[in-house]
Each structure stands twice: as C-alpha cells, then as structure tokens.
C-alpha cells in the first residue's frame, strides 16, 4: 500500500474513487478500517464497490490510521488537524487533478457498485455535488463532488461548519437510495453485530487483495 502524495489513479471513468478512512472510530474502539466484519476488514466492502464501479480507488486517512494490507491502492495522508468529516473530501479534491471524485465512508459495508456508478453519472449535472439521500435525509459523505466544490468546502472547514451545513450550502442534487441497507453505517459494536446478521440475507462481494 502506497502512502504518498501522488496523482489520482485513473480508471474506467474520469472520476476518482475515494474511501474516507480518517475518522478516529472512538465508539467502536479504534480504526474502523480494520474492524473484522464476517471475516473481512470493514474497509474491504466499500472498497470493493468503488473498485467495481470506477476501476480506481484511493484511501484518505491520517498518518496514524491503521489500515489492512491492500495491494495496489494509494493512500493519501490528510493533515492531523482538524478532526473534521469535511477534511477528507477537501484533501481529496485538492489531489484529484481537476477531476470529479466520488467519496464513500469506510463504514458502509452494504454500499453497492451500482449506487456508486449512479452518483458518478450525476457528477456532470449543474450542481457541484450529487449526494445520496433516503427519504430526504442526506448522507453527505457518500456522493460525487466536482472541483468547484473545493473552495466553498474549504471555507466551511475553516469556520468549522457542520458537514451537513457545508454540503447543503452547495445546493446538491439528491440521489434517492432505494435500498436503505446501503446507507447502514457501522459506528459501534452493536452496529457491527447487526451488520453481521444482515449478511445472512445478502450476498457478500469479494475483494481478493485485502488481507486482515
């Protein structure tokens, strides 16, 4: 795994796929990326979906973020401060070589490649952001952002605006997610148990290059 500042990876789309993994994971006891879910690191699930959808993926993390071994995946190291959900998006937009990016948090094990593709397709519309939503409730860390979003999000980050406030100010296009499981996020040990149970009725994807 390459931890460096380098050009964004290229893939089937002119979009950059980014997994946001810089959170502290306090409620779950540490780095979410390496939490074991059904025998696999939690990060492997959104990583699989992003790779299948876009053909490329990078991970944004802190220098001290614990990550599993992922062959061929670049890791962009974001600044230590601030500890803010917007930082990963802002940092990635600054490195994406003028291309739109599709972001997904590390803790969405049921997100699908189909949803990622739809968010990527929407990036060519009039708004600088296309955000996943369910019944009008947005998931601001799952969406597509164009380079024009960098300046307003940077300003919002400097004034410590909430991620919802900052993204709402972009007047984003909302993409309604039909399957609510795709937005299920793992924040606590109880969530981890629930996610494991949910897999009993769902088919698991497989990303062969991820090792615990």
C-alpha atoms as a PDB file:
ATOM      1  CA  UNK A   1       0.000   0.000   0.000  1.00  0.00           C
ATOM      2  CA  UNK A   2       1.486   3.326  -1.091  1.00  0.00           C
ATOM      3  CA  UNK A   3       1.227   6.148   1.445  1.00  0.00           C
ATOM      4  CA  UNK A   4       2.175   9.238  -0.511  1.00  0.00           C
ATOM      5  CA  UNK A   5       1.022  12.332  -2.335  1.00  0.00           C
ATOM      6  CA  UNK A   6       0.760  11.362  -5.985  1.00  0.00           C
ATOM      7  CA  UNK A   7      -1.582  11.853  -8.957  1.00  0.00           C
ATOM      8  CA  UNK A   8      -5.052  10.433  -8.598  1.00  0.00           C
ATOM      9  CA  UNK A   9      -5.493   6.930 -10.021  1.00  0.00           C
ATOM     10  CA  UNK A  10      -7.063   6.501 -13.434  1.00  0.00           C
ATOM     11  CA  UNK A  11      -9.835   4.040 -14.189  1.00  0.00           C
ATOM     12  CA  UNK A  12     -12.765   3.303 -16.455  1.00  0.00           C
ATOM     13  CA  UNK A  13     -14.386   6.628 -15.520  1.00  0.00           C
ATOM     14  CA  UNK A  14     -12.894  10.073 -15.496  1.00  0.00           C
ATOM     15  CA  UNK A  15     -13.793  10.069 -11.814  1.00  0.00           C
ATOM     16  CA  UNK A  16     -11.651   9.471  -8.744  1.00  0.00           C
ATOM     17  CA  UNK A  17     -12.991   6.964  -6.224  1.00  0.00           C
ATOM     18  CA  UNK A  18     -12.121   7.816  -2.618  1.00  0.00           C
ATOM     19  CA  UNK A  19     -12.703   5.920   0.629  1.00  0.00           C
ATOM     20  CA  UNK A  20     -12.769   8.235   3.657  1.00  0.00           C
ATOM     21  CA  UNK A  21     -10.944   6.481   6.494  1.00  0.00           C
ATOM     22  CA  UNK A  22      -9.533   9.299   8.635  1.00  0.00           C
ATOM     23  CA  UNK A  23     -12.041   9.115  11.487  1.00  0.00           C
ATOM     24  CA  UNK A  24     -10.924   8.149  14.977  1.00  0.00           C
ATOM     25  CA  UNK A  25     -13.536   5.377  15.383  1.00  0.00           C
ATOM     26  CA  UNK A  26     -13.827   6.065  19.111  1.00  0.00           C
ATOM     27  CA  UNK A  27     -17.236   4.404  19.547  1.00  0.00           C
ATOM     28  CA  UNK A  28     -16.033   1.159  18.014  1.00  0.00           C
ATOM     29  CA  UNK A  29     -12.713   1.121  19.832  1.00  0.00           C
ATOM     30  CA  UNK A  30     -10.249   2.184  17.146  1.00  0.00           C
ATOM     31  CA  UNK A  31      -9.700   2.363  13.415  1.00  0.00           C
ATOM     32  CA  UNK A  32     -12.859   1.276  11.602  1.00  0.00           C
ATOM     33  CA  UNK A  33     -10.895   0.186   8.550  1.00  0.00           C
ATOM     34  CA  UNK A  34      -9.533  -2.943  10.231  1.00  0.00           C
ATOM     35  CA  UNK A  35     -12.605  -3.925  12.232  1.00  0.00           C
ATOM     36  CA  UNK A  36     -13.499  -7.517  11.409  1.00  0.00           C
ATOM     37  CA  UNK A  37     -16.885  -7.983   9.774  1.00  0.00           C
ATOM     38  CA  UNK A  38     -17.680 -11.545   8.726  1.00  0.00           C
ATOM     39  CA  UNK A  39     -14.011 -12.424   8.394  1.00  0.00           C
ATOM     40  CA  UNK A  40     -13.019  -9.355   6.409  1.00  0.00           C
ATOM     41  CA  UNK A  41     -11.790  -5.834   7.221  1.00  0.00           C
ATOM     42  CA  UNK A  42     -14.685  -3.378   7.199  1.00  0.00           C
ATOM     43  CA  UNK A  43     -12.959  -1.199   4.594  1.00  0.00           C
ATOM     44  CA  UNK A  44     -12.970  -4.041   2.068  1.00  0.00           C
ATOM     45  CA  UNK A  45     -16.716  -3.744   1.448  1.00  0.00           C
ATOM     46  CA  UNK A  46     -16.907  -0.127   0.208  1.00  0.00           C
ATOM     47  CA  UNK A  47     -13.508  -0.608  -1.410  1.00  0.00           C
ATOM     48  CA  UNK A  48     -14.919  -3.484  -3.459  1.00  0.00           C
ATOM     49  CA  UNK A  49     -17.950  -1.429  -4.524  1.00  0.00           C
ATOM     50  CA  UNK A  50     -15.819   1.567  -5.513  1.00  0.00           C
ATOM     51  CA  UNK A  51     -13.345  -0.532  -7.475  1.00  0.00           C
ATOM     52  CA  UNK A  52     -16.042  -2.366  -9.404  1.00  0.00           C
ATOM     53  CA  UNK A  53     -17.860   0.876 -10.217  1.00  0.00           C
ATOM     54  CA  UNK A  54     -14.962   3.130 -11.210  1.00  0.00           C
ATOM     55  CA  UNK A  55     -11.930   0.925 -11.788  1.00  0.00           C
ATOM     56  CA  UNK A  56      -9.852   3.042  -9.397  1.00  0.00           C
ATOM     57  CA  UNK A  57      -9.803   3.912  -5.734  1.00  0.00           C
ATOM     58  CA  UNK A  58      -7.694   5.824  -3.233  1.00  0.00           C
ATOM     59  CA  UNK A  59      -7.950   5.901   0.544  1.00  0.00           C
ATOM     60  CA  UNK A  60      -7.773   9.145   2.536  1.00  0.00           C
ATOM     61  CA  UNK A  61      -6.525   8.584   6.076  1.00  0.00           C
ATOM     62  CA  UNK A  62      -4.483  10.083   8.902  1.00  0.00           C
ATOM     63  CA  UNK A  63      -0.807   9.199   9.217  1.00  0.00           C
ATOM     64  CA  UNK A  64      -1.623   7.049  12.253  1.00  0.00           C
ATOM     65  CA  UNK A  65      -4.737   5.367  10.784  1.00  0.00           C
ATOM     66  CA  UNK A  66      -4.467   1.602  10.976  1.00  0.00           C
ATOM     67  CA  UNK A  67      -5.220   0.038   7.602  1.00  0.00           C
ATOM     68  CA  UNK A  68      -5.202  -3.531   6.307  1.00  0.00           C
ATOM     69  CA  UNK A  69      -2.857  -4.574   3.523  1.00  0.00           C
ATOM     70  CA  UNK A  70      -4.486  -3.585   0.224  1.00  0.00           C
ATOM     71  CA  UNK A  71      -2.403  -4.322  -2.867  1.00  0.00           C
ATOM     72  CA  UNK A  72      -2.106  -1.511  -5.390  1.00  0.00           C
ATOM     73  CA  UNK A  73      -4.193   1.061  -3.518  1.00  0.00           C
ATOM     74  CA  UNK A  74      -2.794   4.541  -2.933  1.00  0.00           C
ATOM     75  CA  UNK A  75      -3.274   6.147   0.474  1.00  0.00           C
ATOM     76  CA  UNK A  76      -3.462   9.931   0.656  1.00  0.00           C
ATOM     77  CA  UNK A  77      -2.423  11.228   4.070  1.00  0.00           C
ATOM     78  CA  UNK A  78      -4.589  14.104   5.254  1.00  0.00           C
ATOM     79  CA  UNK A  79      -3.374  16.631   7.857  1.00  0.00           C
ATOM     80  CA  UNK A  80      -3.578  15.696  11.534  1.00  0.00           C
ATOM     81  CA  UNK A  81      -5.866  18.658  12.193  1.00  0.00           C
ATOM     82  CA  UNK A  82      -8.653  19.443  12.112  1.00  0.00           C
ATOM     83  CA  UNK A  83     -10.522  16.300  13.045  1.00  0.00           C
ATOM     84  CA  UNK A  84     -13.498  17.049  10.841  1.00  0.00           C
ATOM     85  CA  UNK A  85     -15.548  14.934   8.396  1.00  0.00           C
ATOM     86  CA  UNK A  86     -15.044  17.542   5.649  1.00  0.00           C
ATOM     87  CA  UNK A  87     -11.269  17.310   5.749  1.00  0.00           C
ATOM     88  CA  UNK A  88     -11.030  14.087   3.769  1.00  0.00           C
ATOM     89  CA  UNK A  89     -13.226  15.466   0.978  1.00  0.00           C
ATOM     90  CA  UNK A  90     -11.332  18.766   0.831  1.00  0.00           C
ATOM     91  CA  UNK A  91      -7.973  16.998   0.854  1.00  0.00           C
ATOM     92  CA  UNK A  92      -9.015  14.603  -1.917  1.00  0.00           C
ATOM     93  CA  UNK A  93     -10.423  17.408  -4.082  1.00  0.00           C
ATOM     94  CA  UNK A  94      -7.046  19.095  -3.843  1.00  0.00           C
ATOM     95  CA  UNK A  95      -5.323  15.973  -5.189  1.00  0.00           C
ATOM     96  CA  UNK A  96      -7.765  14.789  -7.843  1.00  0.00           C
ATOM     97  CA  UNK A  97      -6.111  16.608 -10.749  1.00  0.00           C
ATOM     98  CA  UNK A  98      -9.194  18.628 -11.642  1.00  0.00           C
ATOM     99  CA  UNK A  99     -11.465  15.608 -11.938  1.00  0.00           C
ATOM    100  CA  UNK A 100     -14.701  14.919 -10.050  1.00  0.00           C
ATOM    101  CA  UNK A 101     -14.453  12.473  -7.193  1.00  0.00           C
ATOM    102  CA  UNK A 102     -16.875  10.008  -5.668  1.00  0.00           C
ATOM    103  CA  UNK A 103     -16.466   9.611  -1.924  1.00  0.00           C
ATOM    104  CA  UNK A 104     -17.675   6.908   0.411  1.00  0.00           C
ATOM    105  CA  UNK A 105     -17.033   6.488   4.133  1.00  0.00           C
ATOM    106  CA  UNK A 106     -15.202   3.448   5.362  1.00  0.00           C
ATOM    107  CA  UNK A 107     -18.148   2.251   7.458  1.00  0.00           C
ATOM    108  CA  UNK A 108     -20.784   1.425   4.785  1.00  0.00           C
ATOM    109  CA  UNK A 109     -20.499  -2.341   4.248  1.00  0.00           C
ATOM    110  CA  UNK A 110     -23.621  -2.614   2.075  1.00  0.00           C
ATOM    111  CA  UNK A 111     -22.989   0.181  -0.411  1.00  0.00           C
ATOM    112  CA  UNK A 112     -23.179  -1.191  -3.957  1.00  0.00           C
ATOM    113  CA  UNK A 113     -21.194  -0.571  -7.109  1.00  0.00           C
ATOM    114  CA  UNK A 114     -24.492   0.324  -8.790  1.00  0.00           C
ATOM    115  CA  UNK A 115     -25.086   3.184  -6.370  1.00  0.00           C
ATOM    116  CA  UNK A 116     -21.502   4.391  -6.796  1.00  0.00           C
ATOM    117  CA  UNK A 117     -21.946   4.417 -10.587  1.00  0.00           C
ATOM    118  CA  UNK A 118     -25.187   6.401 -10.345  1.00  0.00           C
ATOM    119  CA  UNK A 119     -23.526   9.004  -8.140  1.00  0.00           C
ATOM    120  CA  UNK A 120     -20.652   9.206 -10.626  1.00  0.00           C
ATOM    121  CA  UNK A 121     -23.010   9.672 -13.552  1.00  0.00           C
ATOM    122  CA  UNK A 122     -24.702  12.573 -11.793  1.00  0.00           C
ATOM    123  CA  UNK A 123     -21.421  14.479 -11.449  1.00  0.00           C
ATOM    124  CA  UNK A 124     -21.901  16.017 -14.917  1.00  0.00           C
ATOM    125  CA  UNK A 125     -25.032  17.954 -13.853  1.00  0.00           C
ATOM    126  CA  UNK A 126     -25.337  21.634 -12.914  1.00  0.00           C
ATOM    127  CA  UNK A 127     -24.644  21.232  -9.196  1.00  0.00           C
ATOM    128  CA  UNK A 128     -21.087  20.737  -7.853  1.00  0.00           C
ATOM    129  CA  UNK A 129     -22.331  17.810  -5.753  1.00  0.00           C
ATOM    130  CA  UNK A 130     -24.607  14.792  -6.044  1.00  0.00           C
ATOM    131  CA  UNK A 131     -25.403  13.335  -2.638  1.00  0.00           C
ATOM    132  CA  UNK A 132     -27.011  10.064  -1.595  1.00  0.00           C
ATOM    133  CA  UNK A 133     -30.259  10.514   0.342  1.00  0.00           C
ATOM    134  CA  UNK A 134     -33.055   8.434   1.786  1.00  0.00           C
ATOM    135  CA  UNK A 135     -36.486   9.973   2.356  1.00  0.00           C
ATOM    136  CA  UNK A 136     -34.927  13.436   2.134  1.00  0.00           C
ATOM    137  CA  UNK A 137     -32.218  12.667   4.698  1.00  0.00           C
ATOM    138  CA  UNK A 138     -28.811  13.213   3.139  1.00  0.00           C
ATOM    139  CA  UNK A 139     -25.621  11.189   3.573  1.00  0.00           C
ATOM    140  CA  UNK A 140     -23.059  13.949   2.828  1.00  0.00           C
ATOM    141  CA  UNK A 141     -20.037  11.634   2.957  1.00  0.00           C
ATOM    142  CA  UNK A 142     -21.470   9.457   0.177  1.00  0.00           C
ATOM    143  CA  UNK A 143     -21.612  11.395  -3.029  1.00  0.00           C
ATOM    144  CA  UNK A 144     -19.923  12.898  -6.046  1.00  0.00           C
ATOM    145  CA  UNK A 145     -18.102  16.233  -5.848  1.00  0.00           C
ATOM    146  CA  UNK A 146     -16.792  18.342  -8.701  1.00  0.00           C
ATOM    147  CA  UNK A 147     -13.669  20.550  -8.371  1.00  0.00           C
ATOM    148  CA  UNK A 148     -15.880  23.649  -7.986  1.00  0.00           C
ATOM    149  CA  UNK A 149     -16.869  22.345  -4.548  1.00  0.00           C
ATOM    150  CA  UNK A 150     -13.313  22.714  -3.225  1.00  0.00           C
ATOM    151  CA  UNK A 151     -13.416  26.462  -2.487  1.00  0.00           C
ATOM    152  CA  UNK A 152     -16.753  26.594  -0.609  1.00  0.00           C
ATOM    153  CA  UNK A 153     -15.995  23.410   1.322  1.00  0.00           C
ATOM    154  CA  UNK A 154     -12.571  24.762   2.298  1.00  0.00           C
ATOM    155  CA  UNK A 155     -14.196  27.917   3.644  1.00  0.00           C
ATOM    156  CA  UNK A 156     -16.739  25.831   5.569  1.00  0.00           C
ATOM    157  CA  UNK A 157     -13.941  23.709   7.012  1.00  0.00           C
ATOM    158  CA  UNK A 158     -12.018  26.774   8.214  1.00  0.00           C
ATOM    159  CA  UNK A 159     -15.059  28.112  10.042  1.00  0.00           C
ATOM    160  CA  UNK A 160     -15.821  24.673  11.492  1.00  0.00           C
ATOM    161  CA  UNK A 161     -19.252  24.379   9.889  1.00  0.00           C
ATOM    162  CA  UNK A 162     -21.022  21.053  10.236  1.00  0.00           C
ATOM    163  CA  UNK A 163     -20.694  18.711   7.292  1.00  0.00           C
ATOM    164  CA  UNK A 164     -24.452  18.831   6.700  1.00  0.00           C
ATOM    165  CA  UNK A 165     -24.476  22.638   6.699  1.00  0.00           C
ATOM    166  CA  UNK A 166     -21.489  22.828   4.354  1.00  0.00           C
ATOM    167  CA  UNK A 167     -22.869  20.339   1.845  1.00  0.00           C
ATOM    168  CA  UNK A 168     -26.398  21.782   1.939  1.00  0.00           C
ATOM    169  CA  UNK A 169     -24.923  25.165   1.006  1.00  0.00           C
ATOM    170  CA  UNK A 170     -23.731  23.638  -2.276  1.00  0.00           C
ATOM    171  CA  UNK A 171     -27.391  23.104  -3.266  1.00  0.00           C
ATOM    172  CA  UNK A 172     -26.593  19.488  -4.169  1.00  0.00           C
ATOM    173  CA  UNK A 173     -28.616  17.171  -6.334  1.00  0.00           C
ATOM    174  CA  UNK A 174     -30.059  14.458  -4.096  1.00  0.00           C
ATOM    175  CA  UNK A 175     -29.973  10.889  -5.338  1.00  0.00           C
ATOM    176  CA  UNK A 176     -32.659   8.843  -3.614  1.00  0.00           C
ATOM    177  CA  UNK A 177     -31.328   5.469  -2.443  1.00  0.00           C
ATOM    178  CA  UNK A 178     -33.919   2.728  -2.816  1.00  0.00           C
ATOM    179  CA  UNK A 179     -32.272   0.131  -0.574  1.00  0.00           C
ATOM    180  CA  UNK A 180     -31.884   1.614   2.913  1.00  0.00           C
ATOM    181  CA  UNK A 181     -29.337  -1.072   3.835  1.00  0.00           C
ATOM    182  CA  UNK A 182     -26.837   0.637   1.537  1.00  0.00           C
ATOM    183  CA  UNK A 183     -26.727   3.551   3.974  1.00  0.00           C
ATOM    184  CA  UNK A 184     -26.315   1.408   7.092  1.00  0.00           C
ATOM    185  CA  UNK A 185     -23.136   2.563   8.799  1.00  0.00           C
ATOM    186  CA  UNK A 186     -21.106   0.762  11.439  1.00  0.00           C
ATOM    187  CA  UNK A 187     -20.304   3.076  14.352  1.00  0.00           C
ATOM    188  CA  UNK A 188     -20.445   0.800  17.395  1.00  0.00           C
ATOM    189  CA  UNK A 189     -20.044  -2.846  18.434  1.00  0.00           C
ATOM    190  CA  UNK A 190     -23.838  -3.205  18.324  1.00  0.00           C
ATOM    191  CA  UNK A 191     -23.866  -1.939  14.733  1.00  0.00           C
ATOM    192  CA  UNK A 192     -21.178  -4.483  13.907  1.00  0.00           C
ATOM    193  CA  UNK A 193     -23.319  -7.308  15.264  1.00  0.00           C
ATOM    194  CA  UNK A 194     -26.330  -6.043  13.345  1.00  0.00           C
ATOM    195  CA  UNK A 195     -24.338  -5.814  10.118  1.00  0.00           C
ATOM    196  CA  UNK A 196     -23.098  -9.358  10.572  1.00  0.00           C
ATOM    197  CA  UNK A 197     -26.669 -10.574  10.976  1.00  0.00           C
ATOM    198  CA  UNK A 198     -27.749  -8.630   7.881  1.00  0.00           C
ATOM    199  CA  UNK A 199     -25.253 -10.528   5.771  1.00  0.00           C
ATOM    200  CA  UNK A 200     -27.261 -13.705   6.299  1.00  0.00           C
ATOM    201  CA  UNK A 201     -29.734 -12.425   3.714  1.00  0.00           C
ATOM    202  CA  UNK A 202     -27.292 -10.735   1.373  1.00  0.00           C
ATOM    203  CA  UNK A 203     -24.596 -11.948  -0.957  1.00  0.00           C
ATOM    204  CA  UNK A 204     -21.097 -10.841   0.073  1.00  0.00           C
ATOM    205  CA  UNK A 205     -18.815  -9.220  -2.511  1.00  0.00           C
ATOM    206  CA  UNK A 206     -15.191 -10.276  -2.580  1.00  0.00           C
ATOM    207  CA  UNK A 207     -12.101  -8.107  -2.917  1.00  0.00           C
ATOM    208  CA  UNK A 208      -9.252 -10.648  -3.169  1.00  0.00           C
ATOM    209  CA  UNK A 209      -6.318  -8.318  -2.474  1.00  0.00           C
ATOM    210  CA  UNK A 210      -7.415  -7.279   1.024  1.00  0.00           C
ATOM    211  CA  UNK A 211      -5.691  -9.081   3.884  1.00  0.00           C
ATOM    212  CA  UNK A 212      -6.501  -8.696   7.567  1.00  0.00           C
END
